[in-house]
Amino acid sequence: MTFTLIFENKKEDKELIKDVTTIQDILEGLCLSSETIIAKKNGEIVIEDEIIENGDEIQLIQILYGG
């Protein structure tokens, strides 16, 4: 079972990590924090507890901020 991951201008097919894979699992695998990333599943903004299913498109958007 696979999903498509879009992050940092790269689009690639990935295998689901386990039977129930969440956005948080993907963030942890990439050493990213949910505090600095917005996640979209099939075009809709979702929280990190969202379950990823076969064929989903996941887009991770880095939040830029500063002073």
PDB file of N, CA and C in Angstrom:
ATOM      1  N   MET A   1       0.857  -1.173   0.000  1.00  0.00           N
ATOM      2  CA  MET A   1       0.000   0.000   0.000  1.00  0.00           C
ATOM      3  C   MET A   1       0.900   1.232   0.000  1.00  0.00           C
ATOM      4  N   THR A   2       0.546   2.182  -0.844  1.00  0.00           N
ATOM      5  CA  THR A   2       1.383   3.370  -1.002  1.00  0.00           C
ATOM      6  C   THR A   2       0.560   4.654  -0.912  1.00  0.00           C
ATOM      7  N   PHE A   3       1.280   5.746  -0.698  1.00  0.00           N
ATOM      8  CA  PHE A   3       0.693   7.074  -0.751  1.00  0.00           C
ATOM      9  C   PHE A   3       1.707   7.977  -1.432  1.00  0.00           C
ATOM     10  N   THR A   4       1.262   9.148  -1.855  1.00  0.00           N
ATOM     11  CA  THR A   4       2.153  10.110  -2.489  1.00  0.00           C
ATOM     12  C   THR A   4       2.481  11.196  -1.487  1.00  0.00           C
ATOM     13  N   LEU A   5       3.766  11.489  -1.323  1.00  0.00           N
ATOM     14  CA  LEU A   5       4.231  12.525  -0.418  1.00  0.00           C
ATOM     15  C   LEU A   5       4.805  13.674  -1.233  1.00  0.00           C
ATOM     16  N   ILE A   6       4.303  14.885  -0.944  1.00  0.00           N
ATOM     17  CA  ILE A   6       4.827  16.094  -1.566  1.00  0.00           C
ATOM     18  C   ILE A   6       5.440  16.938  -0.459  1.00  0.00           C
ATOM     19  N   PHE A   7       6.761  17.193  -0.574  1.00  0.00           N
ATOM     20  CA  PHE A   7       7.470  17.975   0.433  1.00  0.00           C
ATOM     21  C   PHE A   7       8.725  18.546  -0.196  1.00  0.00           C
ATOM     22  N   GLU A   8       8.968  19.833   0.043  1.00  0.00           N
ATOM     23  CA  GLU A   8      10.139  20.536  -0.469  1.00  0.00           C
ATOM     24  C   GLU A   8      10.288  20.367  -1.983  1.00  0.00           C
ATOM     25  N   ASN A   9       9.212  20.613  -2.707  1.00  0.00           N
ATOM     26  CA  ASN A   9       9.183  20.544  -4.172  1.00  0.00           C
ATOM     27  C   ASN A   9       9.515  19.166  -4.736  1.00  0.00           C
ATOM     28  N   LYS A  10       9.366  18.125  -3.921  1.00  0.00           N
ATOM     29  CA  LYS A  10       9.577  16.755  -4.377  1.00  0.00           C
ATOM     30  C   LYS A  10       8.265  15.992  -4.231  1.00  0.00           C
ATOM     31  N   LYS A  11       7.959  15.178  -5.222  1.00  0.00           N
ATOM     32  CA  LYS A  11       6.763  14.350  -5.184  1.00  0.00           C
ATOM     33  C   LYS A  11       7.209  12.911  -5.381  1.00  0.00           C
ATOM     34  N   GLU A  12       6.931  12.062  -4.388  1.00  0.00           N
ATOM     35  CA  GLU A  12       7.365  10.675  -4.496  1.00  0.00           C
ATOM     36  C   GLU A  12       6.357   9.729  -3.862  1.00  0.00           C
ATOM     37  N   ASP A  13       6.311   8.522  -4.387  1.00  0.00           N
ATOM     38  CA  ASP A  13       5.456   7.488  -3.817  1.00  0.00           C
ATOM     39  C   ASP A  13       6.195   6.828  -2.670  1.00  0.00           C
ATOM     40  N   LYS A  14       5.479   6.626  -1.565  1.00  0.00           N
ATOM     41  CA  LYS A  14       6.054   6.025  -0.363  1.00  0.00           C
ATOM     42  C   LYS A  14       5.191   4.846   0.059  1.00  0.00           C
ATOM     43  N   GLU A  15       5.828   3.896   0.722  1.00  0.00           N
ATOM     44  CA  GLU A  15       5.110   2.764   1.316  1.00  0.00           C
ATOM     45  C   GLU A  15       4.537   3.200   2.653  1.00  0.00           C
ATOM     46  N   LEU A  16       3.346   2.729   2.985  1.00  0.00           N
ATOM     47  CA  LEU A  16       2.787   2.983   4.313  1.00  0.00           C
ATOM     48  C   LEU A  16       3.658   2.273   5.341  1.00  0.00           C
ATOM     49  N   ILE A  17       3.988   2.956   6.414  1.00  0.00           N
ATOM     50  CA  ILE A  17       4.932   2.470   7.417  1.00  0.00           C
ATOM     51  C   ILE A  17       4.393   1.258   8.171  1.00  0.00           C
ATOM     52  N   LYS A  18       3.123   1.285   8.518  1.00  0.00           N
ATOM     53  CA  LYS A  18       2.505   0.197   9.277  1.00  0.00           C
ATOM     54  C   LYS A  18       1.030   0.127   8.907  1.00  0.00           C
ATOM     55  N   ASP A  19       0.290  -0.765   9.535  1.00  0.00           N
ATOM     56  CA  ASP A  19      -1.124  -0.939   9.202  1.00  0.00           C
ATOM     57  C   ASP A  19      -1.913   0.354   9.367  1.00  0.00           C
ATOM     58  N   VAL A  20      -1.657   1.082  10.444  1.00  0.00           N
ATOM     59  CA  VAL A  20      -2.311   2.369  10.675  1.00  0.00           C
ATOM     60  C   VAL A  20      -1.211   3.428  10.740  1.00  0.00           C
ATOM     61  N   THR A  21      -1.078   4.188   9.658  1.00  0.00           N
ATOM     62  CA  THR A  21      -0.064   5.233   9.570  1.00  0.00           C
ATOM     63  C   THR A  21      -0.751   6.587   9.655  1.00  0.00           C
ATOM     64  N   THR A  22      -0.207   7.468  10.483  1.00  0.00           N
ATOM     65  CA  THR A  22      -0.776   8.803  10.639  1.00  0.00           C
ATOM     66  C   THR A  22       0.190   9.849  10.097  1.00  0.00           C
ATOM     67  N   ILE A  23      -0.300  11.071   9.995  1.00  0.00           N
ATOM     68  CA  ILE A  23       0.550  12.192   9.605  1.00  0.00           C
ATOM     69  C   ILE A  23       1.709  12.313  10.593  1.00  0.00           C
ATOM     70  N   GLN A  24       1.440  12.115  11.883  1.00  0.00           N
ATOM     71  CA  GLN A  24       2.487  12.197  12.903  1.00  0.00           C
ATOM     72  C   GLN A  24       3.597  11.184  12.634  1.00  0.00           C
ATOM     73  N   ASP A  25       3.242   9.973  12.209  1.00  0.00           N
ATOM     74  CA  ASP A  25       4.248   8.962  11.877  1.00  0.00           C
ATOM     75  C   ASP A  25       5.168   9.452  10.761  1.00  0.00           C
ATOM     76  N   ILE A  26       4.583  10.092   9.752  1.00  0.00           N
ATOM     77  CA  ILE A  26       5.367  10.614   8.636  1.00  0.00           C
ATOM     78  C   ILE A  26       6.282  11.731   9.122  1.00  0.00           C
ATOM     79  N   LEU A  27       5.753  12.638   9.939  1.00  0.00           N
ATOM     80  CA  LEU A  27       6.564  13.737  10.469  1.00  0.00           C
ATOM     81  C   LEU A  27       7.734  13.198  11.288  1.00  0.00           C
ATOM     82  N   GLU A  28       7.477  12.222  12.138  1.00  0.00           N
ATOM     83  CA  GLU A  28       8.547  11.640  12.955  1.00  0.00           C
ATOM     84  C   GLU A  28       9.602  10.973  12.075  1.00  0.00           C
ATOM     85  N   GLY A  29       9.167  10.289  11.031  1.00  0.00           N
ATOM     86  CA  GLY A  29      10.091   9.629  10.118  1.00  0.00           C
ATOM     87  C   GLY A  29      10.993  10.609   9.385  1.00  0.00           C
ATOM     88  N   LEU A  30      10.506  11.833   9.191  1.00  0.00           N
ATOM     89  CA  LEU A  30      11.286  12.872   8.516  1.00  0.00           C
ATOM     90  C   LEU A  30      11.961  13.825   9.507  1.00  0.00           C
ATOM     91  N   CYS A  31      11.843  13.531  10.797  1.00  0.00           N
ATOM     92  CA  CYS A  31      12.392  14.382  11.871  1.00  0.00           C
ATOM     93  C   CYS A  31      11.856  15.811  11.780  1.00  0.00           C
ATOM     94  N   LEU A  32      10.538  15.924  11.588  1.00  0.00           N
ATOM     95  CA  LEU A  32       9.867  17.221  11.498  1.00  0.00           C
ATOM     96  C   LEU A  32       8.904  17.378  12.666  1.00  0.00           C
ATOM     97  N   SER A  33       8.622  18.618  13.026  1.00  0.00           N
ATOM     98  CA  SER A  33       7.701  18.917  14.120  1.00  0.00           C
ATOM     99  C   SER A  33       6.357  19.387  13.564  1.00  0.00           C
ATOM    100  N   SER A  34       5.292  18.944  14.192  1.00  0.00           N
ATOM    101  CA  SER A  34       3.958  19.391  13.776  1.00  0.00           C
ATOM    102  C   SER A  34       3.748  20.871  14.066  1.00  0.00           C
ATOM    103  N   GLU A  35       4.637  21.472  14.865  1.00  0.00           N
ATOM    104  CA  GLU A  35       4.539  22.896  15.170  1.00  0.00           C
ATOM    105  C   GLU A  35       5.031  23.765  14.002  1.00  0.00           C
ATOM    106  N   THR A  36       5.807  23.177  13.093  1.00  0.00           N
ATOM    107  CA  THR A  36       6.362  23.959  11.977  1.00  0.00           C
ATOM    108  C   THR A  36       5.891  23.474  10.614  1.00  0.00           C
ATOM    109  N   ILE A  37       4.929  22.545  10.606  1.00  0.00           N
ATOM    110  CA  ILE A  37       4.443  21.946   9.357  1.00  0.00           C
ATOM    111  C   ILE A  37       2.913  21.993   9.318  1.00  0.00           C
ATOM    112  N   ILE A  38       2.376  22.334   8.163  1.00  0.00           N
ATOM    113  CA  ILE A  38       0.944  22.175   7.899  1.00  0.00           C
ATOM    114  C   ILE A  38       0.817  20.965   6.980  1.00  0.00           C
ATOM    115  N   ALA A  39      -0.089  20.053   7.307  1.00  0.00           N
ATOM    116  CA  ALA A  39      -0.289  18.854   6.503  1.00  0.00           C
ATOM    117  C   ALA A  39      -1.616  18.939   5.767  1.00  0.00           C
ATOM    118  N   LYS A  40      -1.594  18.521   4.503  1.00  0.00           N
ATOM    119  CA  LYS A  40      -2.808  18.432   3.700  1.00  0.00           C
ATOM    120  C   LYS A  40      -2.943  17.001   3.199  1.00  0.00           C
ATOM    121  N   LYS A  41      -4.144  16.472   3.314  1.00  0.00           N
ATOM    122  CA  LYS A  41      -4.454  15.135   2.807  1.00  0.00           C
ATOM    123  C   LYS A  41      -5.481  15.303   1.695  1.00  0.00           C
ATOM    124  N   ASN A  42      -5.100  14.929   0.503  1.00  0.00           N
ATOM    125  CA  ASN A  42      -5.981  15.053  -0.665  1.00  0.00           C
ATOM    126  C   ASN A  42      -6.545  16.467  -0.792  1.00  0.00           C
ATOM    127  N   GLY A  43      -5.688  17.464  -0.523  1.00  0.00           N
ATOM    128  CA  GLY A  43      -6.058  18.864  -0.701  1.00  0.00           C
ATOM    129  C   GLY A  43      -6.709  19.538   0.492  1.00  0.00           C
ATOM    130  N   GLU A  44      -7.007  18.791   1.550  1.00  0.00           N
ATOM    131  CA  GLU A  44      -7.660  19.345   2.735  1.00  0.00           C
ATOM    132  C   GLU A  44      -6.678  19.383   3.909  1.00  0.00           C
ATOM    133  N   ILE A  45      -6.646  20.486   4.652  1.00  0.00           N
ATOM    134  CA  ILE A  45      -5.784  20.589   5.828  1.00  0.00           C
ATOM    135  C   ILE A  45      -6.274  19.611   6.896  1.00  0.00           C
ATOM    136  N   VAL A  46      -5.321  18.856   7.472  1.00  0.00           N
ATOM    137  CA  VAL A  46      -5.658  17.855   8.487  1.00  0.00           C
ATOM    138  C   VAL A  46      -4.715  17.992   9.683  1.00  0.00           C
ATOM    139  N   ILE A  47      -5.103  17.369  10.797  1.00  0.00           N
ATOM    140  CA  ILE A  47      -4.258  17.355  11.992  1.00  0.00           C
ATOM    141  C   ILE A  47      -3.346  16.135  11.944  1.00  0.00           C
ATOM    142  N   GLU A  48      -2.376  16.100  12.843  1.00  0.00           N
ATOM    143  CA  GLU A  48      -1.372  15.038  12.807  1.00  0.00           C
ATOM    144  C   GLU A  48      -1.913  13.656  13.155  1.00  0.00           C
ATOM    145  N   ASP A  49      -3.109  13.563  13.732  1.00  0.00           N
ATOM    146  CA  ASP A  49      -3.712  12.266  14.050  1.00  0.00           C
ATOM    147  C   ASP A  49      -4.437  11.635  12.862  1.00  0.00           C
ATOM    148  N   GLU A  50      -4.504  12.339  11.742  1.00  0.00           N
ATOM    149  CA  GLU A  50      -5.205  11.860  10.550  1.00  0.00           C
ATOM    150  C   GLU A  50      -4.540  10.585  10.022  1.00  0.00           C
ATOM    151  N   ILE A  51      -5.345   9.589   9.729  1.00  0.00           N
ATOM    152  CA  ILE A  51      -4.843   8.306   9.224  1.00  0.00           C
ATOM    153  C   ILE A  51      -4.659   8.399   7.709  1.00  0.00           C
ATOM    154  N   ILE A  52      -3.512   7.914   7.246  1.00  0.00           N
ATOM    155  CA  ILE A  52      -3.200   7.892   5.820  1.00  0.00           C
ATOM    156  C   ILE A  52      -3.645   6.552   5.255  1.00  0.00           C
ATOM    157  N   GLU A  53      -4.339   6.595   4.122  1.00  0.00           N
ATOM    158  CA  GLU A  53      -4.836   5.380   3.495  1.00  0.00           C
ATOM    159  C   GLU A  53      -4.190   5.191   2.133  1.00  0.00           C
ATOM    160  N   ASN A  54      -4.297   3.997   1.606  1.00  0.00           N
ATOM    161  CA  ASN A  54      -3.739   3.670   0.302  1.00  0.00           C
ATOM    162  C   ASN A  54      -4.222   4.660  -0.761  1.00  0.00           C
ATOM    163  N   GLY A  55      -3.283   5.226  -1.522  1.00  0.00           N
ATOM    164  CA  GLY A  55      -3.630   6.134  -2.608  1.00  0.00           C
ATOM    165  C   GLY A  55      -3.760   7.589  -2.220  1.00  0.00           C
ATOM    166  N   ASP A  56      -3.658   7.921  -0.929  1.00  0.00           N
ATOM    167  CA  ASP A  56      -3.768   9.310  -0.488  1.00  0.00           C
ATOM    168  C   ASP A  56      -2.595  10.139  -1.000  1.00  0.00           C
ATOM    169  N   GLU A  57      -2.852  11.439  -1.169  1.00  0.00           N
ATOM    170  CA  GLU A  57      -1.784  12.383  -1.479  1.00  0.00           C
ATOM    171  C   GLU A  57      -1.591  13.265  -0.254  1.00  0.00           C
ATOM    172  N   ILE A  58      -0.384  13.241   0.305  1.00  0.00           N
ATOM    173  CA  ILE A  58      -0.056  14.007   1.506  1.00  0.00           C
ATOM    174  C   ILE A  58       0.924  15.103   1.112  1.00  0.00           C
ATOM    175  N   GLN A  59       0.567  16.339   1.431  1.00  0.00           N
ATOM    176  CA  GLN A  59       1.453  17.467   1.179  1.00  0.00           C
ATOM    177  C   GLN A  59       1.847  18.083   2.508  1.00  0.00           C
ATOM    178  N   LEU A  60       3.144  18.253   2.717  1.00  0.00           N
ATOM    179  CA  LEU A  60       3.664  18.882   3.925  1.00  0.00           C
ATOM    180  C   LEU A  60       4.198  20.249   3.550  1.00  0.00           C
ATOM    181  N   ILE A  61       3.716  21.279   4.249  1.00  0.00           N
ATOM    182  CA  ILE A  61       4.081  22.658   3.949  1.00  0.00           C
ATOM    183  C   ILE A  61       4.811  23.232   5.156  1.00  0.00           C
ATOM    184  N   GLN A  62       6.055  23.649   4.941  1.00  0.00           N
ATOM    185  CA  GLN A  62       6.871  24.253   6.006  1.00  0.00           C
ATOM    186  C   GLN A  62       6.357  25.654   6.299  1.00  0.00           C
ATOM    187  N   ILE A  63       6.126  25.940   7.577  1.00  0.00           N
ATOM    188  CA  ILE A  63       5.692  27.272   7.993  1.00  0.00           C
ATOM    189  C   ILE A  63       6.931  28.127   8.211  1.00  0.00           C
ATOM    190  N   LEU A  64       6.963  29.269   7.581  1.00  0.00           N
ATOM    191  CA  LEU A  64       8.068  30.214   7.757  1.00  0.00           C
ATOM    192  C   LEU A  64       7.599  31.344   8.645  1.00  0.00           C
ATOM    193  N   TYR A  65       8.414  31.662   9.621  1.00  0.00           N
ATOM    194  CA  TYR A  65       8.083  32.787  10.502  1.00  0.00           C
ATOM    195  C   TYR A  65       9.380  33.343  11.050  1.00  0.00           C
ATOM    196  N   GLY A  66       9.319  34.529  11.552  1.00  0.00           N
ATOM    197  CA  GLY A  66      10.514  35.155  12.103  1.00  0.00           C
ATOM    198  C   GLY A  66      10.205  36.544  12.605  1.00  0.00           C
ATOM    199  N   GLY A  67      11.230  37.218  12.973  1.00  0.00           N
ATOM    200  CA  GLY A  67      11.001  38.539  13.531  1.00  0.00           C
ATOM    201  C   GLY A  67      11.853  39.595  12.900  1.00  0.00           C
TER     202      GLY A  67
END
